[in-house]
Amino acid sequence: MTFFKAKDFTVDHAWGALDIANMNGVTTRLHWTDQPYKWHINDGEEVFVVLDGEVNMHYRVNGVENVTLMTVGDIFYAAIGTEHVAHPVGEARILAIEKEGSV
């Protein structure tokens, strides 16, 4: 049994992560960042939860870019093939649940 204080989590580089769990090849990771990620498509599905801060989630639907502002408690589900990139507004802490080894 382990408890995590997400609000206190920091690392020395953007998108650094703390591995919380690996459940049969599905990872749960706590990320800290103050920089955008990169456009990508995961190797499967992804659940992305904002735990602290704000994130502009950019995603493409039929080649058209959309942006949704996510705040604490908001959840983004990326189905297989969803192209997306997260842009934090300042510092943010994110919980990502995805297939092990995904981008």
C-alpha atoms as a PDB file:
ATOM      1  CA  MET A   1       0.000   0.000   0.000  1.00  0.00           C
ATOM      2  CA  THR A   2       1.340   3.396  -1.001  1.00  0.00           C
ATOM      3  CA  PHE A   3      -0.055   6.917  -0.849  1.00  0.00           C
ATOM      4  CA  PHE A   4       0.970   9.663  -3.281  1.00  0.00           C
ATOM      5  CA  LYS A   5       0.687  13.431  -2.776  1.00  0.00           C
ATOM      6  CA  ALA A   6       0.289  14.514  -6.394  1.00  0.00           C
ATOM      7  CA  LYS A   7       0.300  18.222  -5.574  1.00  0.00           C
ATOM      8  CA  ASP A   8       3.805  17.921  -4.063  1.00  0.00           C
ATOM      9  CA  PHE A   9       5.290  15.920  -6.963  1.00  0.00           C
ATOM     10  CA  THR A  10       8.033  17.583  -9.030  1.00  0.00           C
ATOM     11  CA  VAL A  11      10.916  16.408 -11.188  1.00  0.00           C
ATOM     12  CA  ASP A  12      13.870  18.137 -12.827  1.00  0.00           C
ATOM     13  CA  HIS A  13      12.521  18.042 -16.409  1.00  0.00           C
ATOM     14  CA  ALA A  14       9.225  18.453 -18.217  1.00  0.00           C
ATOM     15  CA  TRP A  15       7.109  15.298 -18.500  1.00  0.00           C
ATOM     16  CA  GLY A  16       9.194  13.475 -15.922  1.00  0.00           C
ATOM     17  CA  ALA A  17       7.124  10.740 -14.325  1.00  0.00           C
ATOM     18  CA  LEU A  18       6.634   8.641 -11.252  1.00  0.00           C
ATOM     19  CA  ASP A  19       5.496   5.104 -12.047  1.00  0.00           C
ATOM     20  CA  ILE A  20       2.603   4.330  -9.736  1.00  0.00           C
ATOM     21  CA  ALA A  21       1.408   0.975 -11.066  1.00  0.00           C
ATOM     22  CA  ASN A  22       1.692  -1.517 -13.899  1.00  0.00           C
ATOM     23  CA  MET A  23      -1.414  -3.677 -14.094  1.00  0.00           C
ATOM     24  CA  ASN A  24      -0.990  -6.370 -16.731  1.00  0.00           C
ATOM     25  CA  GLY A  25       0.732  -4.025 -19.173  1.00  0.00           C
ATOM     26  CA  VAL A  26      -1.365  -0.940 -18.414  1.00  0.00           C
ATOM     27  CA  THR A  27       0.645   1.749 -16.652  1.00  0.00           C
ATOM     28  CA  THR A  28      -0.473   4.503 -14.319  1.00  0.00           C
ATOM     29  CA  ARG A  29       2.028   7.354 -14.176  1.00  0.00           C
ATOM     30  CA  LEU A  30       2.101  10.715 -12.434  1.00  0.00           C
ATOM     31  CA  HIS A  31       3.671  13.427 -14.605  1.00  0.00           C
ATOM     32  CA  TRP A  32       4.897  16.927 -13.810  1.00  0.00           C
ATOM     33  CA  THR A  33       5.408  19.440 -16.591  1.00  0.00           C
ATOM     34  CA  ASP A  34       5.587  23.104 -17.449  1.00  0.00           C
ATOM     35  CA  GLN A  35       6.198  22.551 -21.181  1.00  0.00           C
ATOM     36  CA  PRO A  36       4.094  21.193 -24.070  1.00  0.00           C
ATOM     37  CA  TYR A  37       4.510  17.557 -25.054  1.00  0.00           C
ATOM     38  CA  LYS A  38       4.642  16.599 -28.756  1.00  0.00           C
ATOM     39  CA  TRP A  39       1.939  15.666 -31.217  1.00  0.00           C
ATOM     40  CA  HIS A  40       1.488  11.910 -30.947  1.00  0.00           C
ATOM     41  CA  ILE A  41      -0.795   8.920 -31.263  1.00  0.00           C
ATOM     42  CA  ASN A  42      -0.578   6.427 -28.411  1.00  0.00           C
ATOM     43  CA  ASP A  43       0.002   2.708 -28.900  1.00  0.00           C
ATOM     44  CA  GLY A  44      -3.532   2.086 -27.680  1.00  0.00           C
ATOM     45  CA  GLU A  45      -5.993   4.025 -25.576  1.00  0.00           C
ATOM     46  CA  GLU A  46      -5.104   6.658 -22.982  1.00  0.00           C
ATOM     47  CA  VAL A  47      -6.861   8.243 -20.022  1.00  0.00           C
ATOM     48  CA  PHE A  48      -5.401  11.664 -19.111  1.00  0.00           C
ATOM     49  CA  VAL A  49      -6.463  13.343 -15.850  1.00  0.00           C
ATOM     50  CA  VAL A  50      -5.477  16.837 -14.698  1.00  0.00           C
ATOM     51  CA  LEU A  51      -4.668  16.641 -10.982  1.00  0.00           C
ATOM     52  CA  ASP A  52      -3.169  20.118 -10.543  1.00  0.00           C
ATOM     53  CA  GLY A  53      -2.994  23.156 -12.821  1.00  0.00           C
ATOM     54  CA  GLU A  54      -4.514  23.672 -16.253  1.00  0.00           C
ATOM     55  CA  VAL A  55      -3.809  22.047 -19.612  1.00  0.00           C
ATOM     56  CA  ASN A  56      -4.857  23.044 -23.122  1.00  0.00           C
ATOM     57  CA  MET A  57      -5.451  19.711 -24.841  1.00  0.00           C
ATOM     58  CA  HIS A  58      -5.011  19.971 -28.600  1.00  0.00           C
ATOM     59  CA  TYR A  59      -6.459  17.134 -30.677  1.00  0.00           C
ATOM     60  CA  ARG A  60      -7.336  16.508 -34.296  1.00  0.00           C
ATOM     61  CA  VAL A  61     -10.657  15.273 -35.613  1.00  0.00           C
ATOM     62  CA  ASN A  62     -10.778  14.601 -39.369  1.00  0.00           C
ATOM     63  CA  GLY A  63      -7.623  16.698 -39.763  1.00  0.00           C
ATOM     64  CA  VAL A  64      -9.066  19.717 -37.944  1.00  0.00           C
ATOM     65  CA  GLU A  65      -7.267  20.894 -34.803  1.00  0.00           C
ATOM     66  CA  ASN A  66      -9.396  21.515 -31.707  1.00  0.00           C
ATOM     67  CA  VAL A  67      -8.392  22.799 -28.266  1.00  0.00           C
ATOM     68  CA  THR A  68     -10.116  22.217 -24.940  1.00  0.00           C
ATOM     69  CA  LEU A  69      -8.992  23.807 -21.671  1.00  0.00           C
ATOM     70  CA  MET A  70      -8.769  21.164 -18.953  1.00  0.00           C
ATOM     71  CA  THR A  71      -8.785  22.100 -15.271  1.00  0.00           C
ATOM     72  CA  VAL A  72      -8.393  20.070 -12.079  1.00  0.00           C
ATOM     73  CA  GLY A  73     -10.500  16.931 -12.224  1.00  0.00           C
ATOM     74  CA  ASP A  74     -11.044  16.997 -15.993  1.00  0.00           C
ATOM     75  CA  ILE A  75     -10.476  13.755 -17.896  1.00  0.00           C
ATOM     76  CA  PHE A  76      -9.509  13.268 -21.559  1.00  0.00           C
ATOM     77  CA  TYR A  77      -9.988   9.852 -23.164  1.00  0.00           C
ATOM     78  CA  ALA A  78      -7.900   9.287 -26.288  1.00  0.00           C
ATOM     79  CA  ALA A  79      -9.313   6.394 -28.293  1.00  0.00           C
ATOM     80  CA  ILE A  80      -6.998   4.397 -30.524  1.00  0.00           C
ATOM     81  CA  GLY A  81      -5.743   6.667 -33.300  1.00  0.00           C
ATOM     82  CA  THR A  82      -6.451   9.985 -31.542  1.00  0.00           C
ATOM     83  CA  GLU A  83      -3.718  12.494 -32.428  1.00  0.00           C
ATOM     84  CA  HIS A  84      -3.174  14.915 -29.538  1.00  0.00           C
ATOM     85  CA  VAL A  85      -0.742  17.086 -27.599  1.00  0.00           C
ATOM     86  CA  ALA A  86      -0.997  18.594 -24.118  1.00  0.00           C
ATOM     87  CA  HIS A  87       0.063  22.208 -23.487  1.00  0.00           C
ATOM     88  CA  PRO A  88       0.153  23.038 -19.776  1.00  0.00           C
ATOM     89  CA  VAL A  89      -0.672  26.567 -18.641  1.00  0.00           C
ATOM     90  CA  GLY A  90       2.197  27.018 -16.182  1.00  0.00           C
ATOM     91  CA  GLU A  91       2.921  23.953 -14.048  1.00  0.00           C
ATOM     92  CA  ALA A  92       0.635  20.941 -14.181  1.00  0.00           C
ATOM     93  CA  ARG A  93       0.433  17.484 -12.678  1.00  0.00           C
ATOM     94  CA  ILE A  94      -1.187  14.805 -14.767  1.00  0.00           C
ATOM     95  CA  LEU A  95      -2.199  11.204 -14.207  1.00  0.00           C
ATOM     96  CA  ALA A  96      -1.821   9.138 -17.397  1.00  0.00           C
ATOM     97  CA  ILE A  97      -3.155   5.614 -17.759  1.00  0.00           C
ATOM     98  CA  GLU A  98      -2.018   3.874 -20.918  1.00  0.00           C
ATOM     99  CA  LYS A  99      -0.449   0.786 -22.463  1.00  0.00           C
ATOM    100  CA  GLU A 100       3.078   0.148 -21.187  1.00  0.00           C
ATOM    101  CA  GLY A 101       5.707   1.708 -23.471  1.00  0.00           C
ATOM    102  CA  SER A 102       3.259   4.043 -25.189  1.00  0.00           C
ATOM    103  CA  VAL A 103       4.580   7.379 -26.431  1.00  0.00           C
END
